[in-house]
Protein backbone atom coordinates (compact mmCIF):
# COMPACT_ATOMS: atom_id res chain seq x y z
CA MET A 1 150.28 -4.91 220.08
CA LYS A 2 152.06 -1.74 218.95
CA ARG A 3 148.76 0.20 218.81
CA ARG A 4 147.98 -0.94 222.36
CA ALA A 5 151.49 0.09 223.49
CA ILE A 6 151.13 3.53 221.83
CA THR A 7 147.77 4.09 223.56
CA ALA A 8 149.20 3.07 226.95
CA TRP A 9 152.22 5.33 226.39
CA ILE A 10 149.95 8.27 225.64
CA VAL A 11 147.75 7.61 228.68
CA TYR A 12 150.79 7.64 230.97
CA ASP A 13 151.71 11.08 229.58
CA ILE A 14 148.20 12.25 230.40
CA ALA A 15 148.61 10.95 233.99
CA VAL A 16 151.91 12.71 234.72
CA HIS A 17 150.75 15.97 233.16
CA GLY A 18 148.19 16.38 235.92
CA TYR A 19 151.04 16.26 238.42
CA GLY A 20 153.09 18.67 236.26
CA LEU A 21 150.35 21.29 236.34
CA MET A 22 149.19 21.04 239.94
CA ILE A 23 152.53 20.56 241.74
CA PRO A 24 155.59 22.19 240.08
CA ALA A 25 153.84 24.57 237.63
CA VAL A 26 150.94 26.12 239.51
CA GLY A 27 149.42 24.59 242.64
CA PHE A 28 152.29 23.84 244.95
CA ALA A 29 154.51 26.57 243.44
CA ILE A 30 152.05 29.19 244.62
CA TYR A 31 151.19 27.36 247.86
CA PHE A 32 154.85 27.21 248.83
CA THR A 33 155.78 30.83 248.04
CA SER A 34 152.45 32.32 249.25
CA PHE A 35 151.89 30.26 252.39
CA VAL A 36 154.58 27.79 253.45
CA ALA A 37 157.44 30.28 252.92
CA ALA A 38 155.23 33.43 253.24
CA GLY A 39 157.13 36.36 254.70
CA HIS A 40 160.56 34.86 254.06
CA PRO A 41 162.75 37.44 252.28
CA PHE A 42 164.12 34.79 249.88
CA ALA A 43 160.92 32.88 249.09
CA ASP A 44 161.64 32.97 245.35
CA GLY A 45 165.18 31.88 245.97
CA LEU A 46 164.12 28.96 248.13
CA TRP A 47 161.70 27.84 245.45
CA SER A 48 164.47 28.18 242.86
CA LEU A 49 166.68 25.93 245.00
CA ALA A 50 163.88 23.35 245.49
CA VAL A 51 163.38 23.27 241.70
CA ALA A 52 167.09 23.08 240.90
CA ILE A 53 168.11 20.23 243.27
CA PRO A 54 165.93 17.43 241.74
CA LEU A 55 166.77 18.58 238.22
CA PHE A 56 170.49 18.28 238.93
CA ALA A 57 170.10 14.98 240.82
CA ALA A 58 167.92 13.46 238.09
CA GLY A 59 170.43 14.46 235.47
CA LEU A 60 173.18 12.56 237.29
CA LEU A 61 171.08 9.49 238.09
CA SER A 62 169.17 9.04 234.82
CA PRO A 63 171.97 7.63 232.62
CA TRP A 64 172.83 5.05 235.27
CA LEU A 65 169.16 4.19 235.83
CA GLY A 66 168.66 3.85 232.07
CA ALA A 67 171.67 1.53 231.73
CA VAL A 68 170.28 -0.64 234.52
CA ALA A 69 166.86 -0.72 232.83
CA ASP A 70 168.39 -1.72 229.47
CA ALA A 71 170.37 -4.59 230.96
CA GLY A 72 167.90 -5.86 233.58
CA GLY A 73 164.60 -6.01 231.72
CA ARG A 74 162.87 -4.29 234.64
CA ARG A 75 162.09 -0.93 233.01
CA ARG A 76 158.36 -1.20 233.70
CA LEU A 77 158.89 -2.11 237.40
CA MET A 78 161.30 0.78 237.84
CA LEU A 79 158.81 3.13 236.20
CA ALA A 80 156.07 1.92 238.55
CA ALA A 81 158.29 2.47 241.61
CA ALA A 82 159.16 6.03 240.59
CA THR A 83 155.53 6.79 239.94
CA LEU A 84 154.51 5.46 243.38
CA ILE A 85 157.19 7.53 245.17
CA CYS A 86 156.10 10.68 243.27
CA ALA A 87 152.44 10.17 244.19
CA THR A 88 153.22 9.44 247.86
CA ALA A 89 155.38 12.55 248.34
CA SER A 90 152.71 14.67 246.59
CA ALA A 91 149.99 13.33 248.91
CA LEU A 92 152.10 14.15 251.98
CA MET A 93 152.19 17.83 250.97
CA VAL A 94 148.73 18.09 252.53
CA THR A 95 150.41 17.98 255.95
CA LEU A 96 152.46 21.16 255.49
CA GLY A 97 151.76 24.26 257.49
CA GLN A 98 153.11 27.79 257.43
CA GLY A 99 156.81 27.83 258.22
CA ASP A 100 157.36 24.20 257.28
CA ILE A 101 159.93 25.34 254.71
CA VAL A 102 162.42 22.48 255.03
CA ALA A 103 159.72 19.81 255.02
CA GLY A 104 158.02 21.47 252.05
CA MET A 105 161.25 21.63 250.09
CA LEU A 106 162.15 18.00 250.92
CA LEU A 107 158.72 16.67 249.89
CA PHE A 108 158.83 18.59 246.62
CA ILE A 109 162.43 17.48 245.92
CA VAL A 110 161.49 13.80 246.44
CA ALA A 111 158.30 14.05 244.36
CA GLN A 112 160.01 15.98 241.56
CA LEU A 113 163.08 13.70 241.48
CA ALA A 114 160.85 10.63 241.16
CA TYR A 115 158.81 12.35 238.46
CA LEU A 116 161.92 13.28 236.46
CA LEU A 117 163.39 9.77 236.71
CA ALA A 118 160.03 8.32 235.65
CA THR A 119 159.79 10.53 232.59
CA ALA A 120 163.30 9.55 231.50
CA LEU A 121 162.29 5.87 231.65
CA TYR A 122 158.99 6.66 229.93
CA ASN A 123 160.69 8.55 227.10
CA SER A 124 162.98 5.59 226.41
CA TYR A 125 159.94 3.65 225.18
CA LEU A 126 159.42 5.99 222.17
CA PRO A 127 161.97 4.32 219.85
CA ARG A 128 160.36 0.96 220.70
CA ILE A 129 156.82 1.99 219.63
CA SER A 130 157.59 4.26 216.67
CA THR A 131 159.45 4.43 213.34
CA PRO A 132 161.44 7.30 211.80
CA GLN A 133 158.32 8.13 209.75
CA THR A 134 155.96 8.25 212.79
CA ALA A 135 158.13 9.36 215.73
CA ALA A 136 157.22 13.07 215.57
CA ARG A 137 153.50 12.37 215.22
CA ILE A 138 153.40 9.86 218.07
CA SER A 139 155.47 12.13 220.30
CA GLY A 140 153.34 15.15 219.39
CA MET A 141 150.11 13.21 219.90
CA ALA A 142 151.19 12.05 223.35
CA TRP A 143 152.45 15.49 224.41
CA GLY A 144 149.37 17.23 222.99
CA LEU A 145 146.81 14.91 224.51
CA SER A 146 148.73 14.97 227.80
CA TYR A 147 147.32 18.47 228.35
CA LEU A 148 143.95 16.74 228.75
CA GLY A 149 145.47 15.30 231.90
CA GLY A 150 146.21 18.83 233.13
CA ILE A 151 142.63 19.92 232.40
CA ALA A 152 141.10 16.83 234.01
CA CYS A 153 143.24 17.12 237.15
CA PHE A 154 142.56 20.88 237.29
CA LEU A 155 138.78 20.26 237.20
CA LEU A 156 139.04 17.62 239.93
CA CYS A 157 141.05 20.04 242.08
CA LEU A 158 138.88 23.09 241.32
CA PRO A 159 136.57 22.77 244.33
CA PHE A 160 139.59 23.03 246.65
CA ILE A 161 141.64 25.69 244.84
CA ARG A 162 138.87 27.97 243.59
CA ALA A 163 139.27 30.49 246.44
CA GLY A 164 143.06 30.55 246.23
CA VAL A 165 145.62 30.55 249.04
CA ILE A 166 143.89 32.91 251.49
CA ALA A 167 143.80 33.08 255.27
CA GLY A 168 141.82 30.20 256.70
CA ASN A 169 141.59 28.35 253.38
CA GLU A 170 145.11 26.94 253.22
CA ALA A 171 144.34 23.45 254.54
CA TYR A 172 141.34 23.14 252.21
CA PHE A 173 143.46 24.23 249.27
CA ALA A 174 146.11 21.61 250.14
CA ASN A 175 143.54 18.81 249.54
CA ALA A 176 144.27 19.38 245.84
CA PHE A 177 147.62 17.68 246.36
CA LEU A 178 145.83 14.50 247.54
CA VAL A 179 143.60 14.64 244.44
CA THR A 180 146.65 15.06 242.22
CA ALA A 181 148.42 12.10 243.82
CA GLY A 182 145.37 9.92 243.33
CA PHE A 183 145.03 10.98 239.69
CA LEU A 184 148.67 10.16 238.95
CA LEU A 185 148.64 6.83 240.76
CA THR A 186 145.35 5.54 239.31
CA LEU A 187 145.87 6.51 235.65
CA GLY A 188 149.63 6.02 235.63
CA MET A 189 149.66 2.54 237.10
CA ALA A 190 146.76 1.37 234.95
CA SER A 191 148.48 2.56 231.73
CA MET A 192 151.63 0.52 232.43
CA LEU A 193 149.68 -2.71 231.82
CA GLY A 194 149.84 -1.93 228.15
CA PHE A 195 153.57 -1.11 227.96
CA PRO A 196 155.66 -3.58 225.93
CA ALA A 197 157.25 -6.25 228.12
CA GLU A 198 161.02 -6.70 228.12
CA ASN A 199 163.33 -9.61 228.72
CA LYS A 200 166.70 -9.41 230.33
CA VAL A 201 169.31 -8.65 227.68
CA ASP A 202 172.02 -11.23 227.16
CA ARG A 203 175.25 -9.32 226.66
CA LYS A 204 177.86 -12.06 226.35
CA GLY A 205 181.35 -10.71 226.09
CA GLU A 206 180.25 -7.20 227.01
CA LYS A 207 180.77 -5.51 230.34
CA THR A 208 177.32 -5.22 231.98
CA ASN A 209 178.40 -2.95 234.83
CA PRO A 210 176.35 0.21 234.20
CA TYR A 211 179.28 2.48 235.00
CA HIS A 212 181.52 0.69 232.47
CA ARG A 213 178.83 0.89 229.82
CA LEU A 214 178.28 4.59 230.41
CA TRP A 215 182.00 5.28 230.22
CA ASN A 216 182.34 3.32 226.96
CA THR A 217 179.40 5.21 225.46
CA VAL A 218 180.91 8.60 226.32
CA ARG A 219 184.29 7.55 224.86
CA SER A 220 182.55 6.53 221.60
CA TRP A 221 181.32 10.10 221.15
CA ARG A 222 184.85 11.19 220.21
CA GLN A 223 184.16 9.67 216.80
CA GLU A 224 180.38 10.16 216.70
CA ARG A 225 179.86 13.78 217.68
CA GLU A 226 176.27 14.25 216.47
CA ILE A 227 174.69 13.10 219.76
CA PRO A 228 176.73 15.38 222.09
CA LYS A 229 176.09 18.32 219.74
CA PHE A 230 172.36 17.64 219.86
CA LEU A 231 172.39 17.21 223.63
CA LEU A 232 174.23 20.56 224.02
CA ALA A 233 171.53 22.28 221.91
CA TYR A 234 168.82 20.59 223.98
CA TYR A 235 170.72 21.56 227.15
CA LEU A 236 170.51 25.26 226.29
CA ILE A 237 167.00 25.42 224.89
CA ASN A 238 165.57 23.38 227.75
CA ASP A 239 167.13 25.76 230.27
CA ALA A 240 164.74 28.51 229.11
CA MET A 241 161.71 26.28 228.68
CA VAL A 242 161.82 24.68 232.12
CA THR A 243 162.41 27.99 233.87
CA VAL A 244 159.42 29.52 232.17
CA LEU A 245 157.36 26.44 233.12
CA PHE A 246 158.28 26.73 236.80
CA PHE A 247 157.97 30.50 237.18
CA THR A 248 155.10 31.64 234.91
CA ALA A 249 152.43 31.32 237.63
CA ILE A 250 154.61 33.16 240.15
CA PHE A 251 155.50 35.76 237.49
CA LEU A 252 151.87 36.45 236.64
CA LYS A 253 150.92 36.79 240.29
CA ALA A 254 153.79 39.13 241.17
CA THR A 255 154.02 41.19 237.98
CA PHE A 256 150.37 41.54 236.98
CA GLY A 257 148.74 41.03 240.36
CA LEU A 258 146.57 38.16 239.20
CA SER A 259 144.54 36.18 241.66
CA MET A 260 144.85 32.42 241.98
CA GLN A 261 141.55 31.99 240.14
CA GLU A 262 142.72 34.16 237.24
CA ILE A 263 145.99 32.20 236.99
CA LEU A 264 144.10 28.93 236.91
CA ILE A 265 141.79 30.19 234.13
CA LEU A 266 144.87 31.23 232.13
CA SER A 267 146.38 27.77 232.80
CA LEU A 268 143.22 26.24 231.38
CA ALA A 269 143.45 28.50 228.30
CA PHE A 270 147.09 27.47 227.90
CA GLN A 271 146.15 23.77 227.95
CA LEU A 272 143.41 24.22 225.36
CA ILE A 273 145.83 26.00 222.99
CA ALA A 274 148.62 23.50 223.61
CA ILE A 275 146.63 20.40 222.65
CA PRO A 276 146.04 21.17 218.94
CA SER A 277 149.32 23.10 218.64
CA THR A 278 151.50 20.24 219.84
CA ILE A 279 149.66 17.66 217.73
CA PHE A 280 149.98 20.01 214.69
CA PHE A 281 153.75 20.56 215.11
CA GLY A 282 154.22 16.77 215.50
CA TRP A 283 152.41 16.27 212.18
CA LEU A 284 154.45 19.09 210.63
CA GLY A 285 157.65 17.48 211.81
CA ASP A 286 156.89 14.21 210.03
CA ARG A 287 155.33 15.82 206.98
CA TRP A 288 157.87 18.62 206.41
CA SER A 289 161.00 18.67 208.61
CA GLN A 290 161.60 18.31 212.34
CA PHE A 291 164.41 20.84 212.11
CA GLY A 292 162.14 23.32 210.35
CA ALA A 293 159.32 22.81 212.80
CA VAL A 294 161.67 23.32 215.81
CA ASN A 295 162.99 26.59 214.25
CA VAL A 296 159.44 27.87 213.90
CA THR A 297 158.81 27.21 217.59
CA LEU A 298 162.02 28.94 218.58
CA MET A 299 160.94 32.07 216.75
CA ILE A 300 157.64 32.02 218.65
CA TRP A 301 159.62 31.59 221.88
CA VAL A 302 161.27 34.99 221.20
CA VAL A 303 157.78 36.48 221.14
CA VAL A 304 156.86 34.77 224.42
CA LEU A 305 159.89 36.23 226.25
CA ALA A 306 159.35 39.67 224.69
CA LEU A 307 155.72 39.69 225.95
CA MET A 308 156.84 38.67 229.45
CA GLY A 309 159.43 41.44 229.47
CA LEU A 310 157.56 44.27 227.83
CA ALA A 311 153.79 43.67 227.60
CA GLU A 312 151.45 45.86 229.63
CA GLY A 313 147.71 46.06 230.08
CA GLU A 314 144.90 43.72 231.09
CA HIS A 315 145.20 41.51 227.97
CA ALA A 316 148.94 40.87 228.35
CA PRO A 317 148.64 37.79 230.58
CA LEU A 318 146.22 36.20 228.06
CA ALA A 319 148.60 36.92 225.21
CA ILE A 320 151.45 35.30 227.20
CA ALA A 321 149.32 32.20 227.94
CA ILE A 322 148.29 31.80 224.26
CA THR A 323 151.75 32.18 222.77
CA LEU A 324 153.23 29.90 225.43
CA GLY A 325 150.58 27.29 224.62
CA LEU A 326 151.73 27.36 221.01
CA VAL A 327 155.32 26.31 221.71
CA LEU A 328 156.01 24.83 225.19
CA GLY A 329 154.84 21.28 224.48
CA SER A 330 155.58 21.53 220.72
CA THR A 331 159.28 22.30 221.15
CA GLN A 332 159.82 19.64 223.80
CA SER A 333 157.95 16.99 221.81
CA LEU A 334 159.87 17.69 218.60
CA LEU A 335 163.25 17.58 220.33
CA ARG A 336 162.26 14.28 221.96
CA SER A 337 161.26 12.67 218.68
CA MET A 338 164.42 13.91 216.92
CA TYR A 339 166.56 12.33 219.58
CA SER A 340 164.61 9.06 219.59
CA GLN A 341 165.75 8.38 216.01
CA MET A 342 169.41 8.78 216.94
CA VAL A 343 169.77 6.25 219.74
CA PRO A 344 170.81 2.58 219.46
CA PRO A 345 167.64 0.41 219.80
CA ASP A 346 169.17 -1.80 222.52
CA ARG A 347 170.30 1.13 224.66
CA THR A 348 167.28 3.43 224.70
CA GLY A 349 167.22 3.70 228.48
CA GLU A 350 170.89 4.60 228.68
CA TYR A 351 170.72 7.17 225.87
CA PHE A 352 167.52 8.76 227.14
CA GLY A 353 169.31 8.90 230.50
CA PHE A 354 171.89 11.11 228.82
CA HIS A 355 168.99 13.05 227.34
CA ALA A 356 167.74 13.59 230.87
CA LEU A 357 171.23 14.51 232.03
CA ALA A 358 171.34 17.28 229.43
CA GLY A 359 167.81 18.41 230.13
CA ARG A 360 167.56 18.07 233.86
CA ALA A 361 171.03 19.09 234.98
CA SER A 362 171.04 22.03 232.61
CA SER A 363 167.59 23.01 233.83
CA ALA A 364 169.06 23.68 237.24
CA LEU A 365 170.96 26.59 235.77
CA GLY A 366 167.94 28.41 234.35
CA PRO A 367 165.89 28.58 237.59
CA LEU A 368 168.98 29.59 239.53
CA LEU A 369 169.72 32.36 237.00
CA PHE A 370 166.13 33.52 237.20
CA GLY A 371 166.31 33.71 241.00
CA VAL A 372 169.65 35.59 240.95
CA VAL A 373 168.61 38.10 238.25
CA SER A 374 165.26 38.65 239.91
CA ALA A 375 166.93 39.31 243.30
CA LEU A 376 169.64 41.59 241.86
CA THR A 377 167.38 43.68 239.62
CA GLY A 378 164.17 43.47 241.63
CA SER A 379 162.37 42.67 238.33
CA GLN A 380 160.96 39.31 237.24
CA ARG A 381 160.48 40.84 233.79
CA VAL A 382 164.26 41.29 233.38
CA ALA A 383 164.81 37.77 234.71
CA MET A 384 162.43 36.32 232.12
CA MET A 385 164.02 38.21 229.25
CA SER A 386 167.50 37.06 230.30
CA LEU A 387 166.41 33.52 229.34
CA GLY A 388 166.71 34.56 225.70
CA LEU A 389 170.45 33.96 225.98
CA PHE A 390 169.80 30.24 226.38
CA LEU A 391 167.44 30.09 223.41
CA LEU A 392 169.79 31.96 221.10
CA SER A 393 172.75 29.79 222.10
CA GLY A 394 170.74 26.63 221.67
CA ALA A 395 169.52 27.66 218.24
CA VAL A 396 173.09 28.30 217.11
CA VAL A 397 174.27 24.86 218.29
CA LEU A 398 171.26 23.19 216.70
CA LEU A 399 172.08 24.86 213.37
CA ARG A 400 175.64 23.54 213.59
CA PHE A 401 174.30 20.11 214.40
CA ARG A 402 172.05 20.19 211.33
CA LYS A 403 174.97 21.14 209.12
CA ALA A 404 177.05 18.29 210.55
CA VAL A 405 174.26 15.74 209.93
CA THR A 406 173.69 17.02 206.38
CA GLN A 407 177.42 16.78 205.55
CA THR A 408 177.55 13.23 206.96
CA GLN A 409 174.57 12.17 204.85
CA VAL A 410 176.11 13.70 201.73
């Protein structure tokens, strides 16, 4: 049963990764800034706002949603509903025309919010299907193989997006959003049949109101400070990662003058590098140390931001794509598996809701900072390098967290 659940969990990650590539990372990001909001003086800022709103909203809603899922035994039904909403909003993006800025932002916000809530619920299954000895490997395997979903969805969309967002081809390009919605809905819903079933939890003598439970959990952190320290480190590191994820395609187009086809080829190269890299770092985390593996990825992140800020020449975009492929999924996967071993087994939804609160709400700050720095300096290179402040701060907090855990164990 556990092997079946692990397989299903991995397949769902593959499904949502197709959406992650074709909507927020590449396809719709470029479609919105190059066509829907074309000519608007604050196109980058509008996209920053559209990215930030669902991140902030998901951060606020995820702990409550997780607490409801823990108490009600309806986690799989809630995951299915969020997946359906995400796919529907993505499909409706095909109706957008030039100047439909408000409608475009609203559809993206709905789709992205549903996606973020779904991933919080999905992540909460990890402690249920893994052990402390296998968490990093299972997390890394899922995140690594999920890039196959990006490749598969990319190939399905390729006939529509090959020519890019050019005059007269916009409506044809937008068909890729329909394909992406179908990919997510078909694979995502099918995978949920293998997820472990849950029964409603009997909490006699305990307040079951989600708000009371959340408040009691936060109050308990006065004595148990490891979790808030870890969440703060994740908060800072994730700020940089999510901003890079959302703006790399736009950055490559604006800074290096790459065509849509060239960006898609680099995205494919990124996926091919990320698959073995993420799996390897998951294995390394279980075999050596999850802390050590995360530190290695953070050092590579410094190289990524330095390349974005300073690299010149025709080979610079490829170097950026390769180094980013080494660490984007690896860092996120390792942090997820570390956290999964810290949460109470009967409150995984609630605690992964707080994980989402740290990751999603904080991620609103990074894209907003990028948009502000880019607008003030007129340079996306400077905006990318400014994200190093988040990485450095997160690394410092993570080091303090490690020292605290070591002292407690001693």
